PDB file of N, CA and C in Angstrom:
ATOM      1  N   UNK A   1       0.833  -1.173   0.000  1.00  0.00           N
ATOM      2  CA  UNK A   1       0.000   0.000   0.000  1.00  0.00           C
ATOM      3  C   UNK A   1       0.888   1.250   0.000  1.00  0.00           C
ATOM      4  N   UNK A   2       0.543   2.230  -0.822  1.00  0.00           N
ATOM      5  CA  UNK A   2       1.302   3.467  -0.912  1.00  0.00           C
ATOM      6  C   UNK A   2       0.990   4.368   0.281  1.00  0.00           C
ATOM      7  N   UNK A   3       2.035   4.888   0.918  1.00  0.00           N
ATOM      8  CA  UNK A   3       1.840   5.791   2.054  1.00  0.00           C
ATOM      9  C   UNK A   3       1.530   7.187   1.534  1.00  0.00           C
ATOM     10  N   UNK A   4       0.580   7.870   2.153  1.00  0.00           N
ATOM     11  CA  UNK A   4       0.183   9.204   1.731  1.00  0.00           C
ATOM     12  C   UNK A   4       0.873  10.255   2.585  1.00  0.00           C
ATOM     13  N   UNK A   5       1.232  11.368   1.939  1.00  0.00           N
ATOM     14  CA  UNK A   5       1.956  12.449   2.592  1.00  0.00           C
ATOM     15  C   UNK A   5       1.232  13.767   2.400  1.00  0.00           C
ATOM     16  N   UNK A   6       1.530  14.706   3.294  1.00  0.00           N
ATOM     17  CA  UNK A   6       1.048  16.073   3.187  1.00  0.00           C
ATOM     18  C   UNK A   6       2.268  16.980   3.296  1.00  0.00           C
ATOM     19  N   UNK A   7       2.309  18.031   2.477  1.00  0.00           N
ATOM     20  CA  UNK A   7       3.403  18.995   2.560  1.00  0.00           C
ATOM     21  C   UNK A   7       2.992  20.103   3.525  1.00  0.00           C
ATOM     22  N   UNK A   8       3.844  20.354   4.512  1.00  0.00           N
ATOM     23  CA  UNK A   8       3.577  21.357   5.541  1.00  0.00           C
ATOM     24  C   UNK A   8       4.792  22.250   5.725  1.00  0.00           C
ATOM     25  N   UNK A   9       4.576  23.496   6.123  1.00  0.00           N
ATOM     26  CA  UNK A   9       5.661  24.399   6.506  1.00  0.00           C
ATOM     27  C   UNK A   9       5.719  24.379   8.032  1.00  0.00           C
ATOM     28  N   UNK A  10       6.759  23.742   8.575  1.00  0.00           N
ATOM     29  CA  UNK A  10       6.888  23.531  10.021  1.00  0.00           C
ATOM     30  C   UNK A  10       8.052  24.324  10.578  1.00  0.00           C
ATOM     31  N   UNK A  11       7.919  24.721  11.828  1.00  0.00           N
ATOM     32  CA  UNK A  11       8.954  25.536  12.458  1.00  0.00           C
ATOM     33  C   UNK A  11       9.387  24.974  13.799  1.00  0.00           C
ATOM     34  N   UNK A  12       9.379  25.834  14.802  1.00  0.00           N
ATOM     35  CA  UNK A  12       9.785  25.420  16.147  1.00  0.00           C
ATOM     36  C   UNK A  12       8.894  24.283  16.616  1.00  0.00           C
ATOM     37  N   UNK A  13       9.448  23.445  17.480  1.00  0.00           N
ATOM     38  CA  UNK A  13       8.688  22.281  17.926  1.00  0.00           C
ATOM     39  C   UNK A  13       9.105  21.847  19.315  1.00  0.00           C
ATOM     40  N   UNK A  14       8.256  21.011  19.893  1.00  0.00           N
ATOM     41  CA  UNK A  14       8.510  20.448  21.219  1.00  0.00           C
ATOM     42  C   UNK A  14       8.427  18.936  21.098  1.00  0.00           C
ATOM     43  N   UNK A  15       9.486  18.260  21.516  1.00  0.00           N
ATOM     44  CA  UNK A  15       9.527  16.806  21.464  1.00  0.00           C
ATOM     45  C   UNK A  15       9.206  16.265  22.856  1.00  0.00           C
ATOM     46  N   UNK A  16       8.196  15.409  22.924  1.00  0.00           N
ATOM     47  CA  UNK A  16       7.830  14.779  24.194  1.00  0.00           C
ATOM     48  C   UNK A  16       8.560  13.439  24.254  1.00  0.00           C
ATOM     49  N   UNK A  17       9.479  13.307  25.213  1.00  0.00           N
ATOM     50  CA  UNK A  17      10.315  12.111  25.344  1.00  0.00           C
ATOM     51  C   UNK A  17       9.710  11.059  26.266  1.00  0.00           C
ATOM     52  N   UNK A  18       8.623  11.385  26.904  1.00  0.00           N
ATOM     53  CA  UNK A  18       8.005  10.457  27.841  1.00  0.00           C
ATOM     54  C   UNK A  18       7.502  11.218  29.051  1.00  0.00           C
ATOM     55  N   UNK A  19       7.401  10.515  30.163  1.00  0.00           N
ATOM     56  CA  UNK A  19       6.856  11.104  31.385  1.00  0.00           C
ATOM     57  C   UNK A  19       7.770  10.798  32.564  1.00  0.00           C
ATOM     58  N   UNK A  20       7.828  11.736  33.509  1.00  0.00           N
ATOM     59  CA  UNK A  20       8.642  11.523  34.706  1.00  0.00           C
ATOM     60  C   UNK A  20       7.844  10.747  35.756  1.00  0.00           C
ATOM     61  N   UNK A  21       8.429  10.585  36.943  1.00  0.00           N
ATOM     62  CA  UNK A  21       7.789   9.811  38.007  1.00  0.00           C
ATOM     63  C   UNK A  21       6.493  10.443  38.519  1.00  0.00           C
ATOM     64  N   UNK A  22       6.280  11.736  38.212  1.00  0.00           N
ATOM     65  CA  UNK A  22       5.045  12.431  38.594  1.00  0.00           C
ATOM     66  C   UNK A  22       4.062  12.536  37.426  1.00  0.00           C
ATOM     67  N   UNK A  23       4.326  11.766  36.384  1.00  0.00           N
ATOM     68  CA  UNK A  23       3.490  11.725  35.175  1.00  0.00           C
ATOM     69  C   UNK A  23       3.462  13.056  34.436  1.00  0.00           C
ATOM     70  N   UNK A  24       4.536  13.852  34.586  1.00  0.00           N
ATOM     71  CA  UNK A  24       4.676  15.116  33.861  1.00  0.00           C
ATOM     72  C   UNK A  24       5.496  14.859  32.604  1.00  0.00           C
ATOM     73  N   UNK A  25       5.061  15.452  31.480  1.00  0.00           N
ATOM     74  CA  UNK A  25       5.785  15.258  30.226  1.00  0.00           C
ATOM     75  C   UNK A  25       7.222  15.749  30.332  1.00  0.00           C
ATOM     76  N   UNK A  26       8.141  14.983  29.761  1.00  0.00           N
ATOM     77  CA  UNK A  26       9.535  15.397  29.626  1.00  0.00           C
ATOM     78  C   UNK A  26       9.648  15.989  28.228  1.00  0.00           C
ATOM     79  N   UNK A  27       9.821  17.318  28.146  1.00  0.00           N
ATOM     80  CA  UNK A  27       9.723  18.040  26.877  1.00  0.00           C
ATOM     81  C   UNK A  27      11.049  18.703  26.533  1.00  0.00           C
ATOM     82  N   UNK A  28      11.466  18.531  25.287  1.00  0.00           N
ATOM     83  CA  UNK A  28      12.634  19.221  24.729  1.00  0.00           C
ATOM     84  C   UNK A  28      12.109  20.261  23.754  1.00  0.00           C
ATOM     85  N   UNK A  29      12.397  21.547  24.015  1.00  0.00           N
ATOM     86  CA  UNK A  29      11.937  22.623  23.131  1.00  0.00           C
ATOM     87  C   UNK A  29      13.036  22.952  22.122  1.00  0.00           C
ATOM     88  N   UNK A  30      12.648  22.974  20.847  1.00  0.00           N
ATOM     89  CA  UNK A  30      13.575  23.289  19.760  1.00  0.00           C
ATOM     90  C   UNK A  30      13.044  24.530  19.057  1.00  0.00           C
ATOM     91  N   UNK A  31      13.823  25.615  19.102  1.00  0.00           N
ATOM     92  CA  UNK A  31      13.419  26.875  18.483  1.00  0.00           C
ATOM     93  C   UNK A  31      14.239  27.094  17.223  1.00  0.00           C
ATOM     94  N   UNK A  32      13.537  27.364  16.137  1.00  0.00           N
ATOM     95  CA  UNK A  32      14.202  27.651  14.859  1.00  0.00           C
ATOM     96  C   UNK A  32      13.643  28.959  14.315  1.00  0.00           C
ATOM     97  N   UNK A  33      14.404  29.566  13.426  1.00  0.00           N
ATOM     98  CA  UNK A  33      13.933  30.786  12.768  1.00  0.00           C
ATOM     99  C   UNK A  33      13.200  30.378  11.496  1.00  0.00           C
ATOM    100  N   UNK A  34      11.991  30.834  11.376  1.00  0.00           N
ATOM    101  CA  UNK A  34      11.236  30.587  10.158  1.00  0.00           C
ATOM    102  C   UNK A  34      10.648  29.190  10.090  1.00  0.00           C
ATOM    103  N   UNK A  35      10.186  28.860   8.901  1.00  0.00           N
ATOM    104  CA  UNK A  35       9.527  27.592   8.652  1.00  0.00           C
ATOM    105  C   UNK A  35      10.191  26.900   7.471  1.00  0.00           C
ATOM    106  N   UNK A  36      10.178  25.575   7.483  1.00  0.00           N
ATOM    107  CA  UNK A  36      10.730  24.774   6.386  1.00  0.00           C
ATOM    108  C   UNK A  36       9.649  23.826   5.905  1.00  0.00           C
ATOM    109  N   UNK A  37       9.579  23.663   4.589  1.00  0.00           N
ATOM    110  CA  UNK A  37       8.618  22.711   4.036  1.00  0.00           C
ATOM    111  C   UNK A  37       9.092  21.293   4.305  1.00  0.00           C
ATOM    112  N   UNK A  38       8.159  20.449   4.717  1.00  0.00           N
ATOM    113  CA  UNK A  38       8.454  19.042   4.991  1.00  0.00           C
ATOM    114  C   UNK A  38       7.298  18.199   4.484  1.00  0.00           C
ATOM    115  N   UNK A  39       7.613  16.995   4.037  1.00  0.00           N
ATOM    116  CA  UNK A  39       6.583  16.018   3.729  1.00  0.00           C
ATOM    117  C   UNK A  39       6.389  15.159   4.964  1.00  0.00           C
ATOM    118  N   UNK A  40       5.162  15.068   5.430  1.00  0.00           N
ATOM    119  CA  UNK A  40       4.837  14.311   6.641  1.00  0.00           C
ATOM    120  C   UNK A  40       3.842  13.219   6.257  1.00  0.00           C
ATOM    121  N   UNK A  41       4.118  12.000   6.681  1.00  0.00           N
ATOM    122  CA  UNK A  41       3.178  10.910   6.450  1.00  0.00           C
ATOM    123  C   UNK A  41       1.876  11.223   7.178  1.00  0.00           C
ATOM    124  N   UNK A  42       0.776  11.173   6.462  1.00  0.00           N
ATOM    125  CA  UNK A  42      -0.521  11.484   7.053  1.00  0.00           C
ATOM    126  C   UNK A  42      -0.809  10.574   8.240  1.00  0.00           C
ATOM    127  N   UNK A  43      -0.371   9.345   8.176  1.00  0.00           N
ATOM    128  CA  UNK A  43      -0.604   8.406   9.279  1.00  0.00           C
ATOM    129  C   UNK A  43       0.072   8.859  10.575  1.00  0.00           C
ATOM    130  N   UNK A  44       1.098   9.721  10.484  1.00  0.00           N
ATOM    131  CA  UNK A  44       1.784  10.209  11.685  1.00  0.00           C
ATOM    132  C   UNK A  44       1.051  11.347  12.366  1.00  0.00           C
ATOM    133  N   UNK A  45       0.135  12.032  11.659  1.00  0.00           N
ATOM    134  CA  UNK A  45      -0.588  13.175  12.217  1.00  0.00           C
ATOM    135  C   UNK A  45      -1.631  12.671  13.205  1.00  0.00           C
ATOM    136  N   UNK A  46      -1.522  13.131  14.442  1.00  0.00           N
ATOM    137  CA  UNK A  46      -2.443  12.705  15.500  1.00  0.00           C
ATOM    138  C   UNK A  46      -3.524  13.737  15.774  1.00  0.00           C
ATOM    139  N   UNK A  47      -3.182  15.023  15.684  1.00  0.00           N
ATOM    140  CA  UNK A  47      -4.180  16.069  15.880  1.00  0.00           C
ATOM    141  C   UNK A  47      -3.653  17.390  15.331  1.00  0.00           C
ATOM    142  N   UNK A  48      -4.600  18.314  15.116  1.00  0.00           N
ATOM    143  CA  UNK A  48      -4.268  19.658  14.632  1.00  0.00           C
ATOM    144  C   UNK A  48      -5.070  20.647  15.466  1.00  0.00           C
ATOM    145  N   UNK A  49      -4.368  21.671  15.956  1.00  0.00           N
ATOM    146  CA  UNK A  49      -5.039  22.764  16.657  1.00  0.00           C
ATOM    147  C   UNK A  49      -4.697  24.049  15.914  1.00  0.00           C
ATOM    148  N   UNK A  50      -5.182  25.156  16.424  1.00  0.00           N
ATOM    149  CA  UNK A  50      -4.887  26.428  15.747  1.00  0.00           C
ATOM    150  C   UNK A  50      -3.423  26.834  15.903  1.00  0.00           C
ATOM    151  N   UNK A  51      -2.694  26.175  16.799  1.00  0.00           N
ATOM    152  CA  UNK A  51      -1.291  26.528  17.020  1.00  0.00           C
ATOM    153  C   UNK A  51      -0.326  25.408  16.638  1.00  0.00           C
ATOM    154  N   UNK A  52      -0.720  24.146  16.839  1.00  0.00           N
ATOM    155  CA  UNK A  52       0.211  23.035  16.658  1.00  0.00           C
ATOM    156  C   UNK A  52      -0.376  21.892  15.841  1.00  0.00           C
ATOM    157  N   UNK A  53       0.530  21.152  15.226  1.00  0.00           N
ATOM    158  CA  UNK A  53       0.211  19.842  14.654  1.00  0.00           C
ATOM    159  C   UNK A  53       0.974  18.837  15.499  1.00  0.00           C
ATOM    160  N   UNK A  54       0.274  17.850  16.029  1.00  0.00           N
ATOM    161  CA  UNK A  54       0.897  16.801  16.833  1.00  0.00           C
ATOM    162  C   UNK A  54       1.148  15.601  15.931  1.00  0.00           C
ATOM    163  N   UNK A  55       2.407  15.148  15.887  1.00  0.00           N
ATOM    164  CA  UNK A  55       2.757  13.950  15.117  1.00  0.00           C
ATOM    165  C   UNK A  55       3.497  12.976  16.026  1.00  0.00           C
ATOM    166  N   UNK A  56       3.445  11.693  15.640  1.00  0.00           N
ATOM    167  CA  UNK A  56       4.265  10.757  16.389  1.00  0.00           C
ATOM    168  C   UNK A  56       5.672  10.773  15.805  1.00  0.00           C
ATOM    169  N   UNK A  57       6.594  10.188  16.553  1.00  0.00           N
ATOM    170  CA  UNK A  57       8.009  10.228  16.225  1.00  0.00           C
ATOM    171  C   UNK A  57       8.579   8.850  16.557  1.00  0.00           C
ATOM    172  N   UNK A  58       9.863   8.711  16.586  1.00  0.00           N
ATOM    173  CA  UNK A  58      10.473   7.414  16.859  1.00  0.00           C
ATOM    174  C   UNK A  58      10.385   7.042  18.335  1.00  0.00           C
ATOM    175  N   UNK A  59      10.369   5.755  18.592  1.00  0.00           N
ATOM    176  CA  UNK A  59      10.407   5.193  19.946  1.00  0.00           C
ATOM    177  C   UNK A  59       9.338   5.773  20.869  1.00  0.00           C
ATOM    178  N   UNK A  60       8.123   5.942  20.352  1.00  0.00           N
ATOM    179  CA  UNK A  60       7.007   6.383  21.176  1.00  0.00           C
ATOM    180  C   UNK A  60       6.974   7.860  21.514  1.00  0.00           C
ATOM    181  N   UNK A  61       7.853   8.631  20.928  1.00  0.00           N
ATOM    182  CA  UNK A  61       7.862  10.062  21.209  1.00  0.00           C
ATOM    183  C   UNK A  61       6.806  10.769  20.362  1.00  0.00           C
ATOM    184  N   UNK A  62       6.445  12.011  20.768  1.00  0.00           N
ATOM    185  CA  UNK A  62       5.526  12.858  20.018  1.00  0.00           C
ATOM    186  C   UNK A  62       6.211  14.192  19.765  1.00  0.00           C
ATOM    187  N   UNK A  63       5.779  14.868  18.706  1.00  0.00           N
ATOM    188  CA  UNK A  63       6.287  16.216  18.428  1.00  0.00           C
ATOM    189  C   UNK A  63       5.109  17.156  18.196  1.00  0.00           C
ATOM    190  N   UNK A  64       5.123  18.272  18.923  1.00  0.00           N
ATOM    191  CA  UNK A  64       4.184  19.361  18.683  1.00  0.00           C
ATOM    192  C   UNK A  64       4.895  20.379  17.791  1.00  0.00           C
ATOM    193  N   UNK A  65       4.462  20.510  16.548  1.00  0.00           N
ATOM    194  CA  UNK A  65       5.078  21.416  15.580  1.00  0.00           C
ATOM    195  C   UNK A  65       4.263  22.703  15.461  1.00  0.00           C
ATOM    196  N   UNK A  66       4.943  23.840  15.451  1.00  0.00           N
ATOM    197  CA  UNK A  66       4.288  25.067  15.014  1.00  0.00           C
ATOM    198  C   UNK A  66       4.224  24.999  13.502  1.00  0.00           C
ATOM    199  N   UNK A  67       3.151  25.487  12.920  1.00  0.00           N
ATOM    200  CA  UNK A  67       3.049  25.437  11.472  1.00  0.00           C
ATOM    201  C   UNK A  67       2.682  26.800  10.905  1.00  0.00           C
ATOM    202  N   UNK A  68       3.030  26.987   9.650  1.00  0.00           N
ATOM    203  CA  UNK A  68       2.702  28.213   8.942  1.00  0.00           C
ATOM    204  C   UNK A  68       1.421  27.968   8.153  1.00  0.00           C
ATOM    205  N   UNK A  69       0.502  28.880   8.244  1.00  0.00           N
ATOM    206  CA  UNK A  69      -0.753  28.738   7.527  1.00  0.00           C
ATOM    207  C   UNK A  69      -1.929  28.804   8.473  1.00  0.00           C
ATOM    208  N   UNK A  70      -3.082  28.622   7.907  1.00  0.00           N
ATOM    209  CA  UNK A  70      -4.320  28.690   8.666  1.00  0.00           C
ATOM    210  C   UNK A  70      -4.817  27.293   9.008  1.00  0.00           C
ATOM    211  N   UNK A  71      -5.477  27.172  10.137  1.00  0.00           N
ATOM    212  CA  UNK A  71      -6.034  25.892  10.581  1.00  0.00           C
ATOM    213  C   UNK A  71      -6.914  25.267   9.496  1.00  0.00           C
ATOM    214  N   UNK A  72      -7.830  26.041   8.932  1.00  0.00           N
ATOM    215  CA  UNK A  72      -8.752  25.488   7.931  1.00  0.00           C
ATOM    216  C   UNK A  72      -8.027  25.007   6.682  1.00  0.00           C
ATOM    217  N   UNK A  73      -6.921  25.662   6.328  1.00  0.00           N
ATOM    218  CA  UNK A  73      -6.125  25.228   5.178  1.00  0.00           C
ATOM    219  C   UNK A  73      -5.529  23.838   5.441  1.00  0.00           C
ATOM    220  N   UNK A  74      -4.964  23.636   6.618  1.00  0.00           N
ATOM    221  CA  UNK A  74      -4.390  22.351   6.990  1.00  0.00           C
ATOM    222  C   UNK A  74      -5.486  21.290   7.078  1.00  0.00           C
ATOM    223  N   UNK A  75      -6.580  21.655   7.702  1.00  0.00           N
ATOM    224  CA  UNK A  75      -7.725  20.748   7.834  1.00  0.00           C
ATOM    225  C   UNK A  75      -8.189  20.267   6.463  1.00  0.00           C
ATOM    226  N   UNK A  76      -8.360  21.203   5.545  1.00  0.00           N
ATOM    227  CA  UNK A  76      -8.838  20.857   4.199  1.00  0.00           C
ATOM    228  C   UNK A  76      -7.841  19.967   3.456  1.00  0.00           C
ATOM    229  N   UNK A  77      -6.554  20.243   3.624  1.00  0.00           N
ATOM    230  CA  UNK A  77      -5.530  19.385   2.986  1.00  0.00           C
ATOM    231  C   UNK A  77      -5.622  17.955   3.505  1.00  0.00           C
ATOM    232  N   UNK A  78      -5.772  17.822   4.814  1.00  0.00           N
ATOM    233  CA  UNK A  78      -5.855  16.479   5.399  1.00  0.00           C
ATOM    234  C   UNK A  78      -7.133  15.752   4.983  1.00  0.00           C
ATOM    235  N   UNK A  79      -8.221  16.464   4.907  1.00  0.00           N
ATOM    236  CA  UNK A  79      -9.489  15.813   4.537  1.00  0.00           C
ATOM    237  C   UNK A  79      -9.513  15.416   3.067  1.00  0.00           C
ATOM    238  N   UNK A  80      -8.779  16.131   2.210  1.00  0.00           N
ATOM    239  CA  UNK A  80      -8.706  15.788   0.781  1.00  0.00           C
ATOM    240  C   UNK A  80      -7.884  14.534   0.562  1.00  0.00           C
ATOM    241  N   UNK A  81      -6.858  14.328   1.405  1.00  0.00           N
ATOM    242  CA  UNK A  81      -5.974  13.178   1.252  1.00  0.00           C
ATOM    243  C   UNK A  81      -6.738  11.977   1.655  1.00  0.00           C
TER     244      UNK A  81
END
């Protein structure tokens, strides 16, 4: 089966590495200047908000990406795929 992708302009992000003994997320913040276009497997997209796209990552990690564009634009792209 062919994997489907969406092109997104992504910027700064937060990687969730897991949880500590108090069940608080262990977060690594990565700040970058501007946005870069990336192809993201649609199957990796877990949710979209007006500020972030949540995707899964390797070894059970998650990434909250800031994205360039409007929520409805991203929503429509995902629903078309």
